[in-house]
Amino acid sequence: MTDNSRYKTGRKKINLKMINLAGQYIFIAIVLLWTLFPVYWILITSLKTQQQMNTMPPLFIFKPTIAAYLKIITGESLLSFRNSLIISSFSVLLGLIVGFPAAYTLARTKFQAKNQINFFILSMRMAPAFAFLIPYYLIFRKLNLIDNFLSLIIINLTITVPYTIWMLQGMVQDMSVEIEEAALIDGCTPTGVIWRIVVPILAPSIAATAILSFVFCWNEFFFALVLTGNATRTVPVMMTSLIGLMGVDWVKMSAAGTLAIIPTIILALLAQKYLVKGLMMGAVKS
């Protein structure tokens, strides 16, 4: 092969790599555009006036205003964010307190009804929510827990506990048991092994589970619509109140939607490395 032919072959390979790389970047750009454009549209809509929002064709260049945000922050809608934060935080915390020991026990012990218990836990996430709505409503009404934080927290535990067990059980199983046995030999108690060995190692997985559980609880709408009132109304339920007989207040709803996604974005950014690492744990085995 002559030098000229080698040069052409090498040049052709470089061109193919550049075309492949350009194709990847174009694909990523299209995916990002498809994913982020709705968020961008909600954001710019929340900064418009009602007249600007109704203008056709839509305005992309305009003088922004925060009037819709001020209406939410200074009105009763702000209480909905407080309620969602309280309900979601306690639901995630109690879900971890109950779910982590259960996940560790199911992963490390063998007993006769283990498969049946795992199936029961999984079935709690498979069953349709509306099947439990009437029983829950009758029970909470009998206990005088309608329009009460406790009822929403109990409902959300049916989300966080099964999900926590399902996520962390697999993580514990992928963790080497020899580390725990070595700690026991060195004189560590079983409780000490969990708090000093297992929890630090699984901290990224626990953080990832907590973040995703928080998102599920924050977005829960079906039970909150029925079981909450003016005192405990959550953000998803509050947003439905912006739909009136004369139409939808899209500007105010866009502002509420923008504020609703901020807590989850902040939480994800603060725990980003734990979220990625936690979700990847156990994905590759040696």
C-alpha atoms as a PDB file:
ATOM      1  CA  MET A   1       0.000   0.000   0.000  1.00  0.00           C
ATOM      2  CA  THR A   2       1.411   3.359  -1.033  1.00  0.00           C
ATOM      3  CA  ASP A   3       1.669   6.374   1.245  1.00  0.00           C
ATOM      4  CA  ASN A   4      -1.071   8.099  -0.737  1.00  0.00           C
ATOM      5  CA  SER A   5      -3.527   5.226  -0.254  1.00  0.00           C
ATOM      6  CA  ARG A   6      -2.702   5.024   3.453  1.00  0.00           C
ATOM      7  CA  TYR A   7      -3.335   8.746   3.759  1.00  0.00           C
ATOM      8  CA  LYS A   8      -6.721   8.394   2.031  1.00  0.00           C
ATOM      9  CA  THR A   9      -7.679   5.437   4.246  1.00  0.00           C
ATOM     10  CA  GLY A  10      -6.739   7.322   7.409  1.00  0.00           C
ATOM     11  CA  ARG A  11      -8.549  10.411   6.194  1.00  0.00           C
ATOM     12  CA  LYS A  12     -11.662   8.348   5.480  1.00  0.00           C
ATOM     13  CA  LYS A  13     -11.615   6.854   9.010  1.00  0.00           C
ATOM     14  CA  ILE A  14     -11.283  10.316  10.539  1.00  0.00           C
ATOM     15  CA  ASN A  15     -14.202  11.590   8.480  1.00  0.00           C
ATOM     16  CA  LEU A  16     -16.348   8.633   9.551  1.00  0.00           C
ATOM     17  CA  LYS A  17     -15.515   9.303  13.214  1.00  0.00           C
ATOM     18  CA  MET A  18     -16.382  12.983  12.820  1.00  0.00           C
ATOM     19  CA  ILE A  19     -19.684  12.132  11.129  1.00  0.00           C
ATOM     20  CA  ASN A  20     -20.483   9.623  13.890  1.00  0.00           C
ATOM     21  CA  LEU A  21     -19.608  12.183  16.579  1.00  0.00           C
ATOM     22  CA  ALA A  22     -21.671  14.876  14.864  1.00  0.00           C
ATOM     23  CA  GLY A  23     -24.620  12.483  14.648  1.00  0.00           C
ATOM     24  CA  GLN A  24     -24.385  11.774  18.374  1.00  0.00           C
ATOM     25  CA  TYR A  25     -24.334  15.476  19.229  1.00  0.00           C
ATOM     26  CA  ILE A  26     -27.318  16.135  16.961  1.00  0.00           C
ATOM     27  CA  PHE A  27     -29.251  13.285  18.596  1.00  0.00           C
ATOM     28  CA  ILE A  28     -28.434  14.586  22.089  1.00  0.00           C
ATOM     29  CA  ALA A  29     -29.483  18.091  21.064  1.00  0.00           C
ATOM     30  CA  ILE A  30     -32.816  16.824  19.738  1.00  0.00           C
ATOM     31  CA  VAL A  31     -33.470  14.849  22.943  1.00  0.00           C
ATOM     32  CA  LEU A  32     -32.591  17.859  25.121  1.00  0.00           C
ATOM     33  CA  LEU A  33     -34.805  20.111  23.032  1.00  0.00           C
ATOM     34  CA  TRP A  34     -37.698  17.650  23.270  1.00  0.00           C
ATOM     35  CA  THR A  35     -37.204  17.283  27.026  1.00  0.00           C
ATOM     36  CA  LEU A  36     -36.476  20.852  28.099  1.00  0.00           C
ATOM     37  CA  PHE A  37     -38.752  22.808  25.772  1.00  0.00           C
ATOM     38  CA  PRO A  38     -41.902  22.164  27.904  1.00  0.00           C
ATOM     39  CA  VAL A  39     -40.026  23.450  30.965  1.00  0.00           C
ATOM     40  CA  TYR A  40     -38.871  26.492  29.008  1.00  0.00           C
ATOM     41  CA  TRP A  41     -42.421  27.098  27.766  1.00  0.00           C
ATOM     42  CA  ILE A  42     -43.863  26.934  31.298  1.00  0.00           C
ATOM     43  CA  LEU A  43     -41.177  29.332  32.519  1.00  0.00           C
ATOM     44  CA  ILE A  44     -41.726  32.002  29.862  1.00  0.00           C
ATOM     45  CA  THR A  45     -45.509  31.662  30.186  1.00  0.00           C
ATOM     46  CA  SER A  46     -45.249  32.330  33.920  1.00  0.00           C
ATOM     47  CA  LEU A  47     -43.427  35.594  33.148  1.00  0.00           C
ATOM     48  CA  LYS A  48     -46.109  36.913  30.780  1.00  0.00           C
ATOM     49  CA  THR A  49     -49.238  38.933  31.362  1.00  0.00           C
ATOM     50  CA  GLN A  50     -52.603  37.445  30.447  1.00  0.00           C
ATOM     51  CA  GLN A  51     -52.706  39.596  27.312  1.00  0.00           C
ATOM     52  CA  GLN A  52     -49.230  38.482  26.238  1.00  0.00           C
ATOM     53  CA  MET A  53     -50.135  34.853  26.849  1.00  0.00           C
ATOM     54  CA  ASN A  54     -53.193  35.099  24.577  1.00  0.00           C
ATOM     55  CA  THR A  55     -51.248  36.726  21.749  1.00  0.00           C
ATOM     56  CA  MET A  56     -51.011  34.707  18.541  1.00  0.00           C
ATOM     57  CA  PRO A  57     -48.467  33.809  17.310  1.00  0.00           C
ATOM     58  CA  PRO A  58     -46.853  33.220  20.731  1.00  0.00           C
ATOM     59  CA  LEU A  59     -44.393  35.824  21.967  1.00  0.00           C
ATOM     60  CA  PHE A  60     -40.840  34.713  22.635  1.00  0.00           C
ATOM     61  CA  ILE A  61     -39.477  38.228  23.160  1.00  0.00           C
ATOM     62  CA  PHE A  62     -41.422  40.332  25.667  1.00  0.00           C
ATOM     63  CA  LYS A  63     -41.064  42.339  28.853  1.00  0.00           C
ATOM     64  CA  PRO A  64     -41.232  39.787  31.695  1.00  0.00           C
ATOM     65  CA  THR A  65     -43.231  40.276  34.863  1.00  0.00           C
ATOM     66  CA  ILE A  66     -43.339  38.355  38.147  1.00  0.00           C
ATOM     67  CA  ALA A  67     -46.923  39.323  38.977  1.00  0.00           C
ATOM     68  CA  ALA A  68     -48.095  35.691  38.840  1.00  0.00           C
ATOM     69  CA  TYR A  69     -45.385  34.617  41.293  1.00  0.00           C
ATOM     70  CA  LEU A  70     -46.310  37.416  43.685  1.00  0.00           C
ATOM     71  CA  LYS A  71     -49.946  36.279  43.645  1.00  0.00           C
ATOM     72  CA  ILE A  72     -48.916  32.766  44.645  1.00  0.00           C
ATOM     73  CA  ILE A  73     -46.344  33.784  47.252  1.00  0.00           C
ATOM     74  CA  THR A  74     -48.609  36.323  48.932  1.00  0.00           C
ATOM     75  CA  GLY A  75     -51.801  34.231  48.665  1.00  0.00           C
ATOM     76  CA  GLU A  76     -53.161  31.072  50.244  1.00  0.00           C
ATOM     77  CA  SER A  77     -51.466  28.975  47.557  1.00  0.00           C
ATOM     78  CA  LEU A  78     -48.188  29.286  49.451  1.00  0.00           C
ATOM     79  CA  LEU A  79     -49.630  27.097  52.233  1.00  0.00           C
ATOM     80  CA  SER A  80     -49.905  24.263  49.729  1.00  0.00           C
ATOM     81  CA  PHE A  81     -46.127  24.249  49.283  1.00  0.00           C
ATOM     82  CA  ARG A  82     -45.660  24.093  53.045  1.00  0.00           C
ATOM     83  CA  ASN A  83     -48.151  21.227  53.284  1.00  0.00           C
ATOM     84  CA  SER A  84     -46.491  19.258  50.473  1.00  0.00           C
ATOM     85  CA  LEU A  85     -43.077  19.775  52.062  1.00  0.00           C
ATOM     86  CA  ILE A  86     -44.261  18.536  55.471  1.00  0.00           C
ATOM     87  CA  ILE A  87     -46.121  15.528  54.084  1.00  0.00           C
ATOM     88  CA  SER A  88     -43.387  14.485  51.660  1.00  0.00           C
ATOM     89  CA  SER A  89     -40.531  14.906  54.162  1.00  0.00           C
ATOM     90  CA  PHE A  90     -42.190  12.889  56.929  1.00  0.00           C
ATOM     91  CA  SER A  91     -43.328  10.236  54.448  1.00  0.00           C
ATOM     92  CA  VAL A  92     -39.783   9.751  53.137  1.00  0.00           C
ATOM     93  CA  LEU A  93     -38.253   9.750  56.621  1.00  0.00           C
ATOM     94  CA  LEU A  94     -40.709   7.185  57.996  1.00  0.00           C
ATOM     95  CA  GLY A  95     -40.415   5.169  54.788  1.00  0.00           C
ATOM     96  CA  LEU A  96     -36.660   4.868  55.285  1.00  0.00           C
ATOM     97  CA  ILE A  97     -36.997   4.084  58.994  1.00  0.00           C
ATOM     98  CA  VAL A  98     -39.407   1.224  58.225  1.00  0.00           C
ATOM     99  CA  GLY A  99     -38.147   0.178  54.799  1.00  0.00           C
ATOM    100  CA  PHE A 100     -34.391  -0.056  55.352  1.00  0.00           C
ATOM    101  CA  PRO A 101     -34.502  -2.603  58.231  1.00  0.00           C
ATOM    102  CA  ALA A 102     -37.090  -4.607  56.286  1.00  0.00           C
ATOM    103  CA  ALA A 103     -34.932  -4.549  53.148  1.00  0.00           C
ATOM    104  CA  TYR A 104     -31.843  -5.628  55.101  1.00  0.00           C
ATOM    105  CA  THR A 105     -33.725  -8.447  56.806  1.00  0.00           C
ATOM    106  CA  LEU A 106     -35.182  -9.753  53.542  1.00  0.00           C
ATOM    107  CA  ALA A 107     -31.777  -9.583  51.867  1.00  0.00           C
ATOM    108  CA  ARG A 108     -29.722 -11.236  54.580  1.00  0.00           C
ATOM    109  CA  THR A 109     -32.030 -13.834  56.142  1.00  0.00           C
ATOM    110  CA  LYS A 110     -33.719 -16.945  54.783  1.00  0.00           C
ATOM    111  CA  PHE A 111     -37.130 -18.051  55.995  1.00  0.00           C
ATOM    112  CA  GLN A 112     -40.078 -19.943  54.572  1.00  0.00           C
ATOM    113  CA  ALA A 113     -42.423 -17.072  53.677  1.00  0.00           C
ATOM    114  CA  LYS A 114     -39.751 -14.799  52.165  1.00  0.00           C
ATOM    115  CA  ASN A 115     -40.992 -15.083  48.569  1.00  0.00           C
ATOM    116  CA  GLN A 116     -44.596 -14.499  49.619  1.00  0.00           C
ATOM    117  CA  ILE A 117     -43.617 -11.363  51.553  1.00  0.00           C
ATOM    118  CA  ASN A 118     -41.636 -10.029  48.593  1.00  0.00           C
ATOM    119  CA  PHE A 119     -44.612 -10.639  46.320  1.00  0.00           C
ATOM    120  CA  PHE A 120     -46.949  -8.878  48.761  1.00  0.00           C
ATOM    121  CA  ILE A 121     -44.622  -5.855  48.920  1.00  0.00           C
ATOM    122  CA  LEU A 122     -44.412  -5.713  45.131  1.00  0.00           C
ATOM    123  CA  SER A 123     -48.179  -6.085  44.774  1.00  0.00           C
ATOM    124  CA  MET A 124     -48.668  -2.909  46.833  1.00  0.00           C
ATOM    125  CA  ARG A 125     -47.100  -0.985  43.946  1.00  0.00           C
ATOM    126  CA  MET A 126     -48.926  -2.928  41.220  1.00  0.00           C
ATOM    127  CA  ALA A 127     -52.453  -2.488  42.555  1.00  0.00           C
ATOM    128  CA  PRO A 128     -54.428   0.470  41.120  1.00  0.00           C
ATOM    129  CA  ALA A 129     -54.820   3.386  43.523  1.00  0.00           C
ATOM    130  CA  PHE A 130     -58.555   3.815  42.988  1.00  0.00           C
ATOM    131  CA  ALA A 131     -59.141   0.292  44.362  1.00  0.00           C
ATOM    132  CA  PHE A 132     -58.128   1.539  47.825  1.00  0.00           C
ATOM    133  CA  LEU A 133     -59.687   4.985  47.690  1.00  0.00           C
ATOM    134  CA  ILE A 134     -63.096   4.154  49.192  1.00  0.00           C
ATOM    135  CA  PRO A 135     -61.738   1.909  52.015  1.00  0.00           C
ATOM    136  CA  TYR A 136     -59.148   4.511  52.951  1.00  0.00           C
ATOM    137  CA  TYR A 137     -61.718   7.291  52.873  1.00  0.00           C
ATOM    138  CA  LEU A 138     -64.165   5.376  55.102  1.00  0.00           C
ATOM    139  CA  ILE A 139     -61.423   4.456  57.583  1.00  0.00           C
ATOM    140  CA  PHE A 140     -59.997   7.974  57.829  1.00  0.00           C
ATOM    141  CA  ARG A 141     -63.459   9.500  58.106  1.00  0.00           C
ATOM    142  CA  LYS A 142     -64.249   7.117  60.959  1.00  0.00           C
ATOM    143  CA  LEU A 143     -60.988   8.130  62.665  1.00  0.00           C
ATOM    144  CA  ASN A 144     -61.678  11.827  61.991  1.00  0.00           C
ATOM    145  CA  LEU A 145     -58.488  12.122  59.915  1.00  0.00           C
ATOM    146  CA  ILE A 146     -59.937  13.745  56.810  1.00  0.00           C
ATOM    147  CA  ASP A 147     -58.082  17.010  56.082  1.00  0.00           C
ATOM    148  CA  ASN A 148     -55.264  15.846  58.356  1.00  0.00           C
ATOM    149  CA  PHE A 149     -51.539  15.512  57.692  1.00  0.00           C
ATOM    150  CA  LEU A 150     -51.461  12.059  59.269  1.00  0.00           C
ATOM    151  CA  SER A 151     -53.821  10.533  56.711  1.00  0.00           C
ATOM    152  CA  LEU A 152     -51.703  11.763  53.781  1.00  0.00           C
ATOM    153  CA  ILE A 153     -48.504  10.531  55.438  1.00  0.00           C
ATOM    154  CA  ILE A 154     -50.032   7.080  55.972  1.00  0.00           C
ATOM    155  CA  ILE A 155     -51.148   6.990  52.337  1.00  0.00           C
ATOM    156  CA  ASN A 156     -47.697   8.010  51.128  1.00  0.00           C
ATOM    157  CA  LEU A 157     -46.119   5.278  53.244  1.00  0.00           C
ATOM    158  CA  THR A 158     -47.831   2.789  50.945  1.00  0.00           C
ATOM    159  CA  ILE A 159     -45.643   4.348  48.238  1.00  0.00           C
ATOM    160  CA  THR A 160     -42.359   4.946  50.059  1.00  0.00           C
ATOM    161  CA  VAL A 161     -42.103   1.743  52.101  1.00  0.00           C
ATOM    162  CA  PRO A 162     -42.524  -0.767  49.215  1.00  0.00           C
ATOM    163  CA  TYR A 163     -40.285   1.318  46.968  1.00  0.00           C
ATOM    164  CA  THR A 164     -37.603   1.624  49.663  1.00  0.00           C
ATOM    165  CA  ILE A 165     -37.666  -2.114  50.321  1.00  0.00           C
ATOM    166  CA  TRP A 166     -37.586  -2.941  46.623  1.00  0.00           C
ATOM    167  CA  MET A 167     -34.642  -0.610  45.934  1.00  0.00           C
ATOM    168  CA  LEU A 168     -32.489  -1.276  48.991  1.00  0.00           C
ATOM    169  CA  GLN A 169     -33.025  -5.031  49.135  1.00  0.00           C
ATOM    170  CA  GLY A 170     -31.214  -5.452  45.830  1.00  0.00           C
ATOM    171  CA  MET A 171     -28.434  -3.110  46.950  1.00  0.00           C
ATOM    172  CA  VAL A 172     -27.874  -5.092  50.158  1.00  0.00           C
ATOM    173  CA  GLN A 173     -27.807  -8.356  48.217  1.00  0.00           C
ATOM    174  CA  ASP A 174     -25.117  -6.965  45.902  1.00  0.00           C
ATOM    175  CA  MET A 175     -23.030  -5.902  48.901  1.00  0.00           C
ATOM    176  CA  SER A 176     -20.374  -8.407  49.970  1.00  0.00           C
ATOM    177  CA  VAL A 177     -21.393 -10.204  53.150  1.00  0.00           C
ATOM    178  CA  GLU A 178     -17.720 -10.853  54.019  1.00  0.00           C
ATOM    179  CA  ILE A 179     -17.365  -7.213  55.098  1.00  0.00           C
ATOM    180  CA  GLU A 180     -20.076  -7.649  57.707  1.00  0.00           C
ATOM    181  CA  GLU A 181     -18.643 -10.985  58.871  1.00  0.00           C
ATOM    182  CA  ALA A 182     -15.207  -9.393  59.314  1.00  0.00           C
ATOM    183  CA  ALA A 183     -16.738  -6.629  61.439  1.00  0.00           C
ATOM    184  CA  LEU A 184     -18.510  -9.215  63.609  1.00  0.00           C
ATOM    185  CA  ILE A 185     -15.249 -11.091  64.099  1.00  0.00           C
ATOM    186  CA  ASP A 186     -13.570  -7.841  65.180  1.00  0.00           C
ATOM    187  CA  GLY A 187     -16.173  -7.502  67.952  1.00  0.00           C
ATOM    188  CA  CYS A 188     -18.754  -5.262  66.343  1.00  0.00           C
ATOM    189  CA  THR A 189     -22.375  -5.913  67.340  1.00  0.00           C
ATOM    190  CA  PRO A 190     -25.020  -6.695  64.670  1.00  0.00           C
ATOM    191  CA  THR A 191     -26.518  -3.238  65.217  1.00  0.00           C
ATOM    192  CA  GLY A 192     -23.072  -1.695  64.963  1.00  0.00           C
ATOM    193  CA  VAL A 193     -22.464  -3.513  61.685  1.00  0.00           C
ATOM    194  CA  ILE A 194     -25.603  -1.961  60.210  1.00  0.00           C
ATOM    195  CA  TRP A 195     -24.858   1.601  61.362  1.00  0.00           C
ATOM    196  CA  ARG A 196     -21.064   1.603  60.950  1.00  0.00           C
ATOM    197  CA  ILE A 197     -20.640  -0.619  57.873  1.00  0.00           C
ATOM    198  CA  VAL A 198     -23.843  -1.102  55.903  1.00  0.00           C
ATOM    199  CA  VAL A 199     -25.339   2.394  56.130  1.00  0.00           C
ATOM    200  CA  PRO A 200     -22.117   4.260  55.106  1.00  0.00           C
ATOM    201  CA  ILE A 201     -21.572   1.919  52.148  1.00  0.00           C
ATOM    202  CA  LEU A 202     -25.202   2.187  51.013  1.00  0.00           C
ATOM    203  CA  ALA A 203     -25.452   5.935  51.672  1.00  0.00           C
ATOM    204  CA  PRO A 204     -25.598   6.795  47.931  1.00  0.00           C
ATOM    205  CA  SER A 205     -28.346   4.217  47.389  1.00  0.00           C
ATOM    206  CA  ILE A 206     -30.280   5.480  50.408  1.00  0.00           C
ATOM    207  CA  ALA A 207     -29.968   9.063  49.131  1.00  0.00           C
ATOM    208  CA  ALA A 208     -31.156   8.059  45.662  1.00  0.00           C
ATOM    209  CA  THR A 209     -34.104   6.170  47.138  1.00  0.00           C
ATOM    210  CA  ALA A 210     -35.009   9.125  49.359  1.00  0.00           C
ATOM    211  CA  ILE A 211     -34.917  11.589  46.442  1.00  0.00           C
ATOM    212  CA  LEU A 212     -37.106   9.456  44.185  1.00  0.00           C
ATOM    213  CA  SER A 213     -39.511   8.723  47.043  1.00  0.00           C
ATOM    214  CA  PHE A 214     -39.761  12.450  47.738  1.00  0.00           C
ATOM    215  CA  VAL A 215     -40.631  13.103  44.100  1.00  0.00           C
ATOM    216  CA  PHE A 216     -43.370  10.431  44.202  1.00  0.00           C
ATOM    217  CA  CYS A 217     -44.871  11.915  47.374  1.00  0.00           C
ATOM    218  CA  TRP A 218     -44.553  15.493  46.136  1.00  0.00           C
ATOM    219  CA  ASN A 219     -46.461  14.640  42.942  1.00  0.00           C
ATOM    220  CA  GLU A 220     -49.164  12.466  44.557  1.00  0.00           C
ATOM    221  CA  PHE A 221     -52.544  13.769  43.471  1.00  0.00           C
ATOM    222  CA  PHE A 222     -55.243  11.092  43.493  1.00  0.00           C
ATOM    223  CA  PHE A 223     -55.547  10.504  47.263  1.00  0.00           C
ATOM    224  CA  ALA A 224     -54.679  14.110  48.111  1.00  0.00           C
ATOM    225  CA  LEU A 225     -57.618  15.331  46.031  1.00  0.00           C
ATOM    226  CA  VAL A 226     -60.072  13.299  48.127  1.00  0.00           C
ATOM    227  CA  LEU A 227     -58.488  13.317  51.584  1.00  0.00           C
ATOM    228  CA  THR A 228     -57.300  16.924  51.875  1.00  0.00           C
ATOM    229  CA  GLY A 229     -59.175  20.129  52.615  1.00  0.00           C
ATOM    230  CA  ASN A 230     -58.291  23.790  52.879  1.00  0.00           C
ATOM    231  CA  ALA A 231     -55.891  23.164  55.770  1.00  0.00           C
ATOM    232  CA  THR A 232     -53.841  20.348  54.182  1.00  0.00           C
ATOM    233  CA  ARG A 233     -54.213  20.988  50.455  1.00  0.00           C
ATOM    234  CA  THR A 234     -51.064  19.991  48.567  1.00  0.00           C
ATOM    235  CA  VAL A 235     -49.481  21.583  45.503  1.00  0.00           C
ATOM    236  CA  PRO A 236     -51.037  19.253  42.867  1.00  0.00           C
ATOM    237  CA  VAL A 237     -54.492  19.822  44.367  1.00  0.00           C
ATOM    238  CA  MET A 238     -53.888  23.569  44.605  1.00  0.00           C
ATOM    239  CA  MET A 239     -53.095  23.717  40.904  1.00  0.00           C
ATOM    240  CA  THR A 240     -56.496  22.258  40.044  1.00  0.00           C
ATOM    241  CA  SER A 241     -58.114  25.223  41.812  1.00  0.00           C
ATOM    242  CA  LEU A 242     -56.701  27.427  39.060  1.00  0.00           C
ATOM    243  CA  ILE A 243     -59.148  25.820  36.648  1.00  0.00           C
ATOM    244  CA  GLY A 244     -62.319  27.888  36.820  1.00  0.00           C
ATOM    245  CA  LEU A 245     -65.669  28.004  35.079  1.00  0.00           C
ATOM    246  CA  MET A 246     -64.429  30.693  32.717  1.00  0.00           C
ATOM    247  CA  GLY A 247     -61.259  28.840  31.765  1.00  0.00           C
ATOM    248  CA  VAL A 248     -57.736  28.164  33.009  1.00  0.00           C
ATOM    249  CA  ASP A 249     -55.447  30.804  34.443  1.00  0.00           C
ATOM    250  CA  TRP A 250     -52.459  29.554  32.433  1.00  0.00           C
ATOM    251  CA  VAL A 251     -50.094  32.279  33.621  1.00  0.00           C
ATOM    252  CA  LYS A 252     -50.677  31.590  37.295  1.00  0.00           C
ATOM    253  CA  MET A 253     -50.706  27.839  36.716  1.00  0.00           C
ATOM    254  CA  SER A 254     -47.365  28.081  34.895  1.00  0.00           C
ATOM    255  CA  ALA A 255     -45.940  30.059  37.816  1.00  0.00           C
ATOM    256  CA  ALA A 256     -47.222  27.440  40.268  1.00  0.00           C
ATOM    257  CA  GLY A 257     -45.782  24.664  38.097  1.00  0.00           C
ATOM    258  CA  THR A 258     -42.403  26.395  37.972  1.00  0.00           C
ATOM    259  CA  LEU A 259     -42.355  26.775  41.750  1.00  0.00           C
ATOM    260  CA  ALA A 260     -43.456  23.151  42.162  1.00  0.00           C
ATOM    261  CA  ILE A 261     -40.454  21.743  40.314  1.00  0.00           C
ATOM    262  CA  ILE A 262     -37.900  23.924  42.119  1.00  0.00           C
ATOM    263  CA  PRO A 263     -37.696  21.838  45.366  1.00  0.00           C
ATOM    264  CA  THR A 264     -37.090  18.579  43.484  1.00  0.00           C
ATOM    265  CA  ILE A 265     -34.478  20.226  41.237  1.00  0.00           C
ATOM    266  CA  ILE A 266     -32.636  21.686  44.249  1.00  0.00           C
ATOM    267  CA  LEU A 267     -32.775  18.339  46.049  1.00  0.00           C
ATOM    268  CA  ALA A 268     -31.465  16.493  42.999  1.00  0.00           C
ATOM    269  CA  LEU A 269     -28.626  19.004  42.476  1.00  0.00           C
ATOM    270  CA  LEU A 270     -27.540  18.828  46.127  1.00  0.00           C
ATOM    271  CA  ALA A 271     -27.424  15.025  46.043  1.00  0.00           C
ATOM    272  CA  GLN A 272     -26.473  14.588  42.377  1.00  0.00           C
ATOM    273  CA  LYS A 273     -23.390  12.474  42.932  1.00  0.00           C
ATOM    274  CA  TYR A 274     -25.227  10.280  45.429  1.00  0.00           C
ATOM    275  CA  LEU A 275     -28.167   9.929  43.054  1.00  0.00           C
ATOM    276  CA  VAL A 276     -26.041   8.759  40.115  1.00  0.00           C
ATOM    277  CA  LYS A 277     -23.794   6.552  42.232  1.00  0.00           C
ATOM    278  CA  GLY A 278     -26.717   5.073  44.131  1.00  0.00           C
ATOM    279  CA  LEU A 279     -28.647   4.156  40.989  1.00  0.00           C
ATOM    280  CA  MET A 280     -25.514   2.611  39.431  1.00  0.00           C
ATOM    281  CA  MET A 281     -24.642   0.466  42.469  1.00  0.00           C
ATOM    282  CA  GLY A 282     -25.120  -3.152  41.593  1.00  0.00           C
ATOM    283  CA  ALA A 283     -25.458  -2.450  37.880  1.00  0.00           C
ATOM    284  CA  VAL A 284     -22.011  -3.908  37.161  1.00  0.00           C
ATOM    285  CA  LYS A 285     -20.707  -6.939  38.989  1.00  0.00           C
ATOM    286  CA  SER A 286     -17.158  -8.138  38.938  1.00  0.00           C
END
